[in-house]
Amino acid sequence: MAVLGCSAGYAGALFGATSYFKNHPDGRSLVAYIAAIVPALLIIGIFVAIGRYLVEERDEFVRMLMIRQTLVASGLALSLATLWGFLESFRLAPHVDAYWFAIVWFGGLGLGACINRFTLGREA
């Protein structure tokens, strides 16, 4: 439920921030910082909710499945961030906004679920 709430809040906050910056392109006000930070805080809330789920899950097998998914997601996102960071620092790749690595992490959860399905016959 927390993930759903954070996701809905994120969609609204991102829409609001995008609208704000479209109408105030040169603003560096307190409102601008808040508009930019709130969507990030809601994504962080999803990470916290997943962490709390892992701590509170009583079924050890289901917890292990979710941990495998998060390990795949973390390995994928961190590896891609590291690779791209080196390419970018040596001017071999264009700049990519860092929030994309959170999106890669969420995609990695799906990849981890597929790996669980193919190797263990079940996803979390």
C-alpha atoms as a PDB file:
ATOM      1  CA  MET A   1       0.000   0.000   0.000  1.00  0.00           C
ATOM      2  CA  ALA A   2       2.879   2.375   0.759  1.00  0.00           C
ATOM      3  CA  VAL A   3       4.381   1.708  -2.681  1.00  0.00           C
ATOM      4  CA  LEU A   4       1.060   2.517  -4.334  1.00  0.00           C
ATOM      5  CA  GLY A   5       0.694   5.718  -2.318  1.00  0.00           C
ATOM      6  CA  CYS A   6       4.234   6.835  -3.061  1.00  0.00           C
ATOM      7  CA  SER A   7       3.765   6.000  -6.746  1.00  0.00           C
ATOM      8  CA  ALA A   8       0.559   8.030  -6.982  1.00  0.00           C
ATOM      9  CA  GLY A   9       2.152  10.888  -5.068  1.00  0.00           C
ATOM     10  CA  TYR A  10       5.185  10.733  -7.348  1.00  0.00           C
ATOM     11  CA  ALA A  11       3.018  11.000 -10.461  1.00  0.00           C
ATOM     12  CA  GLY A  12       1.263  14.041  -9.049  1.00  0.00           C
ATOM     13  CA  ALA A  13       4.457  15.653  -7.771  1.00  0.00           C
ATOM     14  CA  LEU A  14       6.248  15.082 -11.072  1.00  0.00           C
ATOM     15  CA  PHE A  15       3.343  16.613 -12.983  1.00  0.00           C
ATOM     16  CA  GLY A  16       3.361  19.588 -10.611  1.00  0.00           C
ATOM     17  CA  ALA A  17       7.141  20.039 -10.798  1.00  0.00           C
ATOM     18  CA  THR A  18       7.140  19.798 -14.588  1.00  0.00           C
ATOM     19  CA  SER A  19       4.360  22.377 -14.793  1.00  0.00           C
ATOM     20  CA  TYR A  20       6.125  24.662 -12.327  1.00  0.00           C
ATOM     21  CA  PHE A  21       9.436  24.623 -14.207  1.00  0.00           C
ATOM     22  CA  LYS A  22       7.690  25.069 -17.554  1.00  0.00           C
ATOM     23  CA  ASN A  23       6.181  28.307 -16.214  1.00  0.00           C
ATOM     24  CA  HIS A  24       9.240  29.385 -14.154  1.00  0.00           C
ATOM     25  CA  PRO A  25      12.246  28.248 -16.223  1.00  0.00           C
ATOM     26  CA  ASP A  26      14.789  30.520 -14.557  1.00  0.00           C
ATOM     27  CA  GLY A  27      13.605  30.287 -10.961  1.00  0.00           C
ATOM     28  CA  ARG A  28      15.935  29.293  -8.121  1.00  0.00           C
ATOM     29  CA  SER A  29      13.488  29.994  -5.358  1.00  0.00           C
ATOM     30  CA  LEU A  30      12.643  27.882  -2.338  1.00  0.00           C
ATOM     31  CA  VAL A  31       9.532  26.706  -4.183  1.00  0.00           C
ATOM     32  CA  ALA A  32      11.709  25.548  -7.087  1.00  0.00           C
ATOM     33  CA  TYR A  33      13.882  23.460  -4.754  1.00  0.00           C
ATOM     34  CA  ILE A  34      10.831  21.954  -3.081  1.00  0.00           C
ATOM     35  CA  ALA A  35       9.239  21.173  -6.452  1.00  0.00           C
ATOM     36  CA  ALA A  36      12.439  19.411  -7.557  1.00  0.00           C
ATOM     37  CA  ILE A  37      12.954  17.473  -4.315  1.00  0.00           C
ATOM     38  CA  VAL A  38       9.434  16.181  -3.599  1.00  0.00           C
ATOM     39  CA  PRO A  39       9.337  13.647  -6.498  1.00  0.00           C
ATOM     40  CA  ALA A  40      12.731  12.304  -5.360  1.00  0.00           C
ATOM     41  CA  LEU A  41      11.494  11.923  -1.781  1.00  0.00           C
ATOM     42  CA  LEU A  42       8.537   9.878  -3.012  1.00  0.00           C
ATOM     43  CA  ILE A  43      10.860   7.523  -4.953  1.00  0.00           C
ATOM     44  CA  ILE A  44      12.964   7.224  -1.800  1.00  0.00           C
ATOM     45  CA  GLY A  45       9.719   6.352  -0.006  1.00  0.00           C
ATOM     46  CA  ILE A  46       9.289   3.397  -2.370  1.00  0.00           C
ATOM     47  CA  PHE A  47      12.806   2.202  -1.524  1.00  0.00           C
ATOM     48  CA  VAL A  48      11.975   2.491   2.182  1.00  0.00           C
ATOM     49  CA  ALA A  49       8.703   0.596   1.716  1.00  0.00           C
ATOM     50  CA  ILE A  50      10.501  -2.245  -0.065  1.00  0.00           C
ATOM     51  CA  GLY A  51      13.111  -2.344   2.703  1.00  0.00           C
ATOM     52  CA  ARG A  52      10.403  -2.468   5.371  1.00  0.00           C
ATOM     53  CA  TYR A  53       8.672  -5.260   3.462  1.00  0.00           C
ATOM     54  CA  LEU A  54      11.899  -7.270   3.449  1.00  0.00           C
ATOM     55  CA  VAL A  55      12.285  -6.813   7.209  1.00  0.00           C
ATOM     56  CA  GLU A  56       8.661  -7.621   8.001  1.00  0.00           C
ATOM     57  CA  GLU A  57       8.129 -10.563   5.618  1.00  0.00           C
ATOM     58  CA  ARG A  58       7.775 -13.702   7.765  1.00  0.00           C
ATOM     59  CA  ASP A  59       7.965 -16.292   5.010  1.00  0.00           C
ATOM     60  CA  GLU A  60      11.682 -16.935   4.531  1.00  0.00           C
ATOM     61  CA  PHE A  61      11.304 -18.277   0.999  1.00  0.00           C
ATOM     62  CA  VAL A  62       9.266 -15.286  -0.179  1.00  0.00           C
ATOM     63  CA  ARG A  63      11.776 -12.944   1.521  1.00  0.00           C
ATOM     64  CA  MET A  64      14.633 -14.726  -0.240  1.00  0.00           C
ATOM     65  CA  LEU A  65      12.880 -14.293  -3.597  1.00  0.00           C
ATOM     66  CA  MET A  66      12.470 -10.570  -3.014  1.00  0.00           C
ATOM     67  CA  ILE A  67      16.060 -10.228  -1.819  1.00  0.00           C
ATOM     68  CA  ARG A  68      17.230 -11.937  -5.013  1.00  0.00           C
ATOM     69  CA  GLN A  69      15.164  -9.462  -7.024  1.00  0.00           C
ATOM     70  CA  THR A  70      16.619  -6.480  -5.179  1.00  0.00           C
ATOM     71  CA  LEU A  71      20.151  -7.836  -5.606  1.00  0.00           C
ATOM     72  CA  VAL A  72      19.635  -8.186  -9.356  1.00  0.00           C
ATOM     73  CA  ALA A  73      18.143  -4.680  -9.495  1.00  0.00           C
ATOM     74  CA  SER A  74      20.950  -3.181  -7.406  1.00  0.00           C
ATOM     75  CA  GLY A  75      23.685  -4.944  -9.354  1.00  0.00           C
ATOM     76  CA  LEU A  76      22.199  -3.854 -12.664  1.00  0.00           C
ATOM     77  CA  ALA A  77      21.637  -0.213 -11.649  1.00  0.00           C
ATOM     78  CA  LEU A  78      24.988   0.213  -9.908  1.00  0.00           C
ATOM     79  CA  SER A  79      26.895  -1.484 -12.719  1.00  0.00           C
ATOM     80  CA  LEU A  80      25.221   0.654 -15.357  1.00  0.00           C
ATOM     81  CA  ALA A  81      25.735   3.833 -13.292  1.00  0.00           C
ATOM     82  CA  THR A  82      29.424   3.001 -12.846  1.00  0.00           C
ATOM     83  CA  LEU A  83      29.956   2.129 -16.503  1.00  0.00           C
ATOM     84  CA  TRP A  84      28.107   5.192 -17.754  1.00  0.00           C
ATOM     85  CA  GLY A  85      29.832   7.429 -15.208  1.00  0.00           C
ATOM     86  CA  PHE A  86      33.269   6.451 -16.479  1.00  0.00           C
ATOM     87  CA  LEU A  87      32.227   6.825 -20.112  1.00  0.00           C
ATOM     88  CA  GLU A  88      30.723  10.226 -19.348  1.00  0.00           C
ATOM     89  CA  SER A  89      33.723  11.435 -17.337  1.00  0.00           C
ATOM     90  CA  PHE A  90      36.034  10.657 -20.268  1.00  0.00           C
ATOM     91  CA  ARG A  91      33.565  12.367 -22.640  1.00  0.00           C
ATOM     92  CA  LEU A  92      32.788   9.123 -24.460  1.00  0.00           C
ATOM     93  CA  ALA A  93      29.074   9.242 -23.674  1.00  0.00           C
ATOM     94  CA  PRO A  94      26.526  12.035 -23.281  1.00  0.00           C
ATOM     95  CA  HIS A  95      25.284  13.187 -19.885  1.00  0.00           C
ATOM     96  CA  VAL A  96      22.408  11.182 -18.422  1.00  0.00           C
ATOM     97  CA  ASP A  97      20.365  12.544 -15.551  1.00  0.00           C
ATOM     98  CA  ALA A  98      21.036  10.442 -12.450  1.00  0.00           C
ATOM     99  CA  TYR A  99      17.368   9.725 -11.714  1.00  0.00           C
ATOM    100  CA  TRP A 100      17.378   7.314 -14.644  1.00  0.00           C
ATOM    101  CA  PHE A 101      19.353   4.848 -12.533  1.00  0.00           C
ATOM    102  CA  ALA A 102      16.396   4.525 -10.154  1.00  0.00           C
ATOM    103  CA  ILE A 103      14.261   3.691 -13.181  1.00  0.00           C
ATOM    104  CA  VAL A 104      16.828   1.077 -14.215  1.00  0.00           C
ATOM    105  CA  TRP A 105      16.651  -0.301 -10.644  1.00  0.00           C
ATOM    106  CA  PHE A 106      12.877  -0.711 -10.895  1.00  0.00           C
ATOM    107  CA  GLY A 107      13.352  -2.461 -14.233  1.00  0.00           C
ATOM    108  CA  GLY A 108      15.918  -4.682 -12.519  1.00  0.00           C
ATOM    109  CA  LEU A 109      13.222  -5.769 -10.062  1.00  0.00           C
ATOM    110  CA  GLY A 110      11.281  -7.089 -13.030  1.00  0.00           C
ATOM    111  CA  LEU A 111      14.387  -8.799 -14.404  1.00  0.00           C
ATOM    112  CA  GLY A 112      14.994 -10.328 -10.974  1.00  0.00           C
ATOM    113  CA  ALA A 113      11.424 -11.638 -10.931  1.00  0.00           C
ATOM    114  CA  CYS A 114      12.037 -13.264 -14.334  1.00  0.00           C
ATOM    115  CA  ILE A 115      15.263 -14.821 -13.081  1.00  0.00           C
ATOM    116  CA  ASN A 116      13.430 -16.162 -10.024  1.00  0.00           C
ATOM    117  CA  ARG A 117      10.707 -17.590 -12.261  1.00  0.00           C
ATOM    118  CA  PHE A 118      13.163 -19.335 -14.578  1.00  0.00           C
ATOM    119  CA  THR A 119      15.551 -20.604 -11.894  1.00  0.00           C
ATOM    120  CA  LEU A 120      13.157 -21.353  -9.023  1.00  0.00           C
ATOM    121  CA  GLY A 121       9.783 -21.534 -10.738  1.00  0.00           C
ATOM    122  CA  ARG A 122       8.314 -18.663  -8.725  1.00  0.00           C
ATOM    123  CA  GLU A 123       8.619 -14.917  -8.246  1.00  0.00           C
ATOM    124  CA  ALA A 124       7.961 -12.953  -5.054  1.00  0.00           C
END
